[in-house]
C-alpha atoms as a PDB file:
ATOM      1  CA  MET A   1      -0.074   0.058   0.064  1.00  0.00           C
ATOM      2  CA  LEU A   2       1.135   3.490  -1.034  1.00  0.00           C
ATOM      3  CA  ASN A   3       1.430   6.058   2.051  1.00  0.00           C
ATOM      4  CA  ILE A   4       0.910   9.799   0.933  1.00  0.00           C
ATOM      5  CA  TRP A   5       2.103  12.079   3.486  1.00  0.00           C
ATOM      6  CA  TRP A   6       0.913  15.560   3.172  1.00  0.00           C
ATOM      7  CA  ALA A   7       3.043  18.497   4.124  1.00  0.00           C
ATOM      8  CA  ARG A   8       1.582  21.007   6.391  1.00  0.00           C
ATOM      9  CA  ALA A   9       2.949  24.541   6.710  1.00  0.00           C
ATOM     10  CA  SER A  10       2.077  26.722   9.812  1.00  0.00           C
ATOM     11  CA  PHE A  11       2.399  30.262   9.881  1.00  0.00           C
ATOM     12  CA  LYS A  12       3.013  32.015  13.217  1.00  0.00           C
ATOM     13  CA  ARG A  13       1.726  35.605  13.667  1.00  0.00           C
ATOM     14  CA  ALA A  14       4.277  37.981  14.668  1.00  0.00           C
ATOM     15  CA  SER A  15       4.128  38.912  18.343  1.00  0.00           C
ATOM     16  CA  PRO A  16       3.833  42.647  19.257  1.00  0.00           C
ATOM     17  CA  LYS A  17       6.884  44.329  20.190  1.00  0.00           C
ATOM     18  CA  ASP A  18       7.417  46.485  22.935  1.00  0.00           C
ATOM     19  CA  GLY A  19       5.677  49.844  22.259  1.00  0.00           C
ATOM     20  CA  ASP A  20       3.522  48.354  19.332  1.00  0.00           C
ATOM     21  CA  ASP A  21       0.093  48.614  19.618  1.00  0.00           C
ATOM     22  CA  ARG A  22      -1.122  46.816  16.744  1.00  0.00           C
ATOM     23  CA  GLY A  23      -1.283  43.345  18.436  1.00  0.00           C
ATOM     24  CA  SER A  24      -1.580  40.407  16.021  1.00  0.00           C
ATOM     25  CA  ASP A  25      -2.419  42.577  12.902  1.00  0.00           C
ATOM     26  CA  CYS A  26      -0.055  41.273  10.253  1.00  0.00           C
ATOM     27  CA  GLY A  27      -0.781  42.496   6.752  1.00  0.00           C
ATOM     28  CA  LEU A  28       0.521  44.475   4.042  1.00  0.00           C
ATOM     29  CA  THR A  29       0.727  48.046   3.793  1.00  0.00           C
ATOM     30  CA  LEU A  30      -0.906  49.975   1.020  1.00  0.00           C
ATOM     31  CA  ILE A  31       2.669  50.945  -0.122  1.00  0.00           C
ATOM     32  CA  GLU A  32       3.778  47.294  -0.574  1.00  0.00           C
ATOM     33  CA  VAL A  33       0.503  46.666  -2.344  1.00  0.00           C
ATOM     34  CA  LEU A  34       1.296  49.089  -4.761  1.00  0.00           C
ATOM     35  CA  VAL A  35       4.534  48.359  -5.394  1.00  0.00           C
ATOM     36  CA  ALA A  36       3.849  44.646  -5.936  1.00  0.00           C
ATOM     37  CA  MET A  37       0.910  45.680  -8.237  1.00  0.00           C
ATOM     38  CA  THR A  38       3.511  47.820 -10.356  1.00  0.00           C
ATOM     39  CA  ILE A  39       6.073  45.249 -10.571  1.00  0.00           C
ATOM     40  CA  MET A  40       3.372  42.709 -11.825  1.00  0.00           C
ATOM     41  CA  GLY A  41       2.096  45.380 -14.269  1.00  0.00           C
ATOM     42  CA  ILE A  42       5.600  46.038 -15.670  1.00  0.00           C
ATOM     43  CA  GLY A  43       6.326  42.175 -16.052  1.00  0.00           C
ATOM     44  CA  LEU A  44       2.737  41.677 -17.772  1.00  0.00           C
ATOM     45  CA  LEU A  45       3.744  44.620 -20.310  1.00  0.00           C
ATOM     46  CA  VAL A  46       7.065  42.955 -21.191  1.00  0.00           C
ATOM     47  CA  ILE A  47       5.426  39.681 -21.765  1.00  0.00           C
ATOM     48  CA  LEU A  48       2.804  41.022 -23.988  1.00  0.00           C
ATOM     49  CA  SER A  49       5.169  43.109 -25.977  1.00  0.00           C
ATOM     50  CA  GLY A  50       7.106  39.939 -26.502  1.00  0.00           C
ATOM     51  CA  PHE A  51       3.967  38.330 -27.946  1.00  0.00           C
ATOM     52  CA  VAL A  52       3.329  41.300 -30.504  1.00  0.00           C
ATOM     53  CA  GLU A  53       6.723  41.510 -31.497  1.00  0.00           C
ATOM     54  CA  GLY A  54       6.580  37.575 -32.279  1.00  0.00           C
ATOM     55  CA  SER A  55       3.318  37.960 -34.239  1.00  0.00           C
ATOM     56  CA  ARG A  56       4.832  40.603 -36.290  1.00  0.00           C
ATOM     57  CA  ALA A  57       7.772  38.540 -36.982  1.00  0.00           C
ATOM     58  CA  ARG A  58       5.648  35.680 -38.144  1.00  0.00           C
ATOM     59  CA  ARG A  59       3.525  37.702 -40.412  1.00  0.00           C
ATOM     60  CA  ASN A  60       6.681  39.164 -41.978  1.00  0.00           C
ATOM     61  CA  ALA A  61       8.257  35.562 -42.260  1.00  0.00           C
ATOM     62  CA  TYR A  62       4.793  34.482 -44.078  1.00  0.00           C
ATOM     63  CA  LEU A  63       4.875  37.259 -46.382  1.00  0.00           C
ATOM     64  CA  GLN A  64       8.527  36.847 -47.473  1.00  0.00           C
ATOM     65  CA  THR A  65       8.158  32.978 -47.979  1.00  0.00           C
ATOM     66  CA  ARG A  66       5.225  33.630 -50.041  1.00  0.00           C
ATOM     67  CA  ALA A  67       7.082  36.184 -52.281  1.00  0.00           C
ATOM     68  CA  VAL A  68       9.997  33.644 -52.869  1.00  0.00           C
ATOM     69  CA  PHE A  69       7.291  30.944 -53.556  1.00  0.00           C
ATOM     70  CA  LEU A  70       5.630  33.003 -56.109  1.00  0.00           C
ATOM     71  CA  SER A  71       8.909  34.360 -57.616  1.00  0.00           C
ATOM     72  CA  GLN A  72      10.292  30.777 -57.968  1.00  0.00           C
ATOM     73  CA  GLN A  73       7.075  29.918 -60.066  1.00  0.00           C
ATOM     74  CA  VAL A  74       7.583  32.805 -62.421  1.00  0.00           C
ATOM     75  CA  MET A  75      11.271  32.198 -62.862  1.00  0.00           C
ATOM     76  CA  ASP A  76      10.676  28.636 -63.635  1.00  0.00           C
ATOM     77  CA  GLU A  77       8.127  29.530 -66.516  1.00  0.00           C
ATOM     78  CA  TRP A  78      10.607  31.777 -67.857  1.00  0.00           C
ATOM     79  CA  LEU A  79      13.615  29.462 -67.479  1.00  0.00           C
ATOM     80  CA  ALA A  80      11.448  26.684 -69.205  1.00  0.00           C
ATOM     81  CA  GLU A  81      11.012  29.002 -72.350  1.00  0.00           C
ATOM     82  CA  ALA A  82      14.854  29.396 -72.938  1.00  0.00           C
ATOM     83  CA  PRO A  83      16.649  30.509 -75.043  1.00  0.00           C
ATOM     84  CA  LEU A  84      15.628  33.967 -74.190  1.00  0.00           C
ATOM     85  CA  GLU A  85      15.637  37.205 -75.934  1.00  0.00           C
ATOM     86  CA  ALA A  86      16.588  40.728 -74.078  1.00  0.00           C
ATOM     87  CA  GLY A  87      13.733  42.498 -72.752  1.00  0.00           C
ATOM     88  CA  GLY A  88      11.565  43.018 -69.600  1.00  0.00           C
ATOM     89  CA  GLU A  89       8.138  42.387 -68.415  1.00  0.00           C
ATOM     90  CA  GLU A  90       5.719  42.935 -65.413  1.00  0.00           C
ATOM     91  CA  GLY A  91       2.970  41.282 -63.888  1.00  0.00           C
ATOM     92  CA  GLY A  92       1.023  39.871 -60.777  1.00  0.00           C
ATOM     93  CA  TRP A  93      -0.786  36.933 -59.422  1.00  0.00           C
ATOM     94  CA  GLU A  94      -4.425  36.866 -59.637  1.00  0.00           C
ATOM     95  CA  GLU A  95      -4.727  34.280 -56.565  1.00  0.00           C
ATOM     96  CA  ASP A  96      -2.471  36.791 -54.551  1.00  0.00           C
ATOM     97  CA  PRO A  97      -2.994  40.420 -55.641  1.00  0.00           C
ATOM     98  CA  LEU A  98      -0.703  41.783 -52.806  1.00  0.00           C
ATOM     99  CA  TYR A  99       2.541  40.803 -54.936  1.00  0.00           C
ATOM    100  CA  HIS A 100       4.029  42.318 -57.967  1.00  0.00           C
ATOM    101  CA  TRP A 101       6.770  41.200 -60.017  1.00  0.00           C
ATOM    102  CA  SER A 102       8.998  42.598 -62.734  1.00  0.00           C
ATOM    103  CA  LEU A 103      11.613  40.594 -65.013  1.00  0.00           C
ATOM    104  CA  GLU A 104      14.577  41.969 -66.823  1.00  0.00           C
ATOM    105  CA  VAL A 105      16.454  39.699 -69.346  1.00  0.00           C
ATOM    106  CA  ASN A 106      19.919  41.144 -70.276  1.00  0.00           C
ATOM    107  CA  PRO A 107      22.960  39.407 -72.177  1.00  0.00           C
ATOM    108  CA  TYR A 108      25.647  38.125 -69.522  1.00  0.00           C
ATOM    109  CA  THR A 109      28.975  37.767 -70.591  1.00  0.00           C
ATOM    110  CA  PRO A 110      31.254  36.209 -67.537  1.00  0.00           C
ATOM    111  CA  GLU A 111      34.889  37.736 -66.897  1.00  0.00           C
ATOM    112  CA  GLY A 112      37.430  35.727 -69.068  1.00  0.00           C
ATOM    113  CA  ALA A 113      34.768  34.152 -71.297  1.00  0.00           C
ATOM    114  CA  GLU A 114      35.803  32.505 -74.502  1.00  0.00           C
ATOM    115  CA  GLU A 115      34.515  33.678 -77.736  1.00  0.00           C
ATOM    116  CA  ASP A 116      33.220  29.992 -78.533  1.00  0.00           C
ATOM    117  CA  GLU A 117      31.116  29.825 -75.324  1.00  0.00           C
ATOM    118  CA  PRO A 118      27.331  29.786 -75.919  1.00  0.00           C
ATOM    119  CA  PRO A 119      25.688  33.301 -75.258  1.00  0.00           C
ATOM    120  CA  LEU A 120      23.994  33.657 -71.911  1.00  0.00           C
ATOM    121  CA  MET A 121      21.122  35.815 -70.690  1.00  0.00           C
ATOM    122  CA  GLU A 122      20.748  37.104 -67.103  1.00  0.00           C
ATOM    123  CA  LEU A 123      17.194  37.109 -65.551  1.00  0.00           C
ATOM    124  CA  THR A 124      16.593  39.621 -62.706  1.00  0.00           C
ATOM    125  CA  LEU A 125      13.097  39.128 -60.999  1.00  0.00           C
ATOM    126  CA  THR A 126      12.108  41.490 -58.544  1.00  0.00           C
ATOM    127  CA  THR A 127       8.906  40.850 -56.462  1.00  0.00           C
ATOM    128  CA  SER A 128       7.536  43.501 -54.257  1.00  0.00           C
ATOM    129  CA  TRP A 129       4.867  43.644 -51.556  1.00  0.00           C
ATOM    130  CA  PRO A 130       3.494  46.436 -49.378  1.00  0.00           C
ATOM    131  CA  ASP A 131       4.421  46.479 -45.768  1.00  0.00           C
ATOM    132  CA  GLY A 132       2.750  49.267 -43.850  1.00  0.00           C
ATOM    133  CA  ALA A 133       4.260  52.552 -45.049  1.00  0.00           C
ATOM    134  CA  SER A 134       6.852  51.081 -47.049  1.00  0.00           C
ATOM    135  CA  GLU A 135       7.594  48.421 -49.776  1.00  0.00           C
ATOM    136  CA  ARG A 136       9.510  45.277 -49.287  1.00  0.00           C
ATOM    137  CA  SER A 137      10.990  43.349 -52.144  1.00  0.00           C
ATOM    138  CA  ILE A 138      13.181  40.217 -53.063  1.00  0.00           C
ATOM    139  CA  VAL A 139      15.437  39.741 -55.947  1.00  0.00           C
ATOM    140  CA  LEU A 140      16.031  36.574 -57.704  1.00  0.00           C
ATOM    141  CA  LYS A 141      18.758  36.169 -60.451  1.00  0.00           C
ATOM    142  CA  SER A 142      19.481  33.372 -62.964  1.00  0.00           C
ATOM    143  CA  LEU A 143      21.210  32.336 -66.029  1.00  0.00           C
ATOM    144  CA  ALA A 144      19.697  30.906 -69.090  1.00  0.00           C
ATOM    145  CA  PRO A 145      20.751  30.249 -72.805  1.00  0.00           C
ATOM    146  CA  ALA A 146      20.512  33.239 -75.009  1.00  0.00           C
ATOM    147  CA  LEU A 147      18.412  32.796 -78.361  1.00  0.00           C
ATOM    148  CA  GLU A 148      21.229  32.589 -80.982  1.00  0.00           C
ATOM    149  CA  GLU A 149      21.063  34.786 -83.918  1.00  0.00           C
END
């Protein structure tokens, strides 16, 4: 059989000191209560501000991840159409009108390239979205074969 022992705490009241006429009144003063409430209030504000910052960071991470995902879709579509010609284009997404993209396709020649190497095009895709009063953006770059003349 399992024996369970319960702990019992006993509190003794302070005994009156010489010249103290309060007797057995042991409590908190108003100042002590106000200080305790102030400390608790400050602690609660710190905890709540942490939740607000965490929520803001989560939202920013979601928006940026969504922008990368949408940008990769556009970049994959353009790379599938290789070889490419120089130029540019802009657009958006019907399923997510918050985001806007612009693509620039320019000739690319690496340093020290041989003349017999196939020509390349550099794709620069910029995706932007509003973030409060400002605008945020990401840039993806890739290389693809150029349209030979």
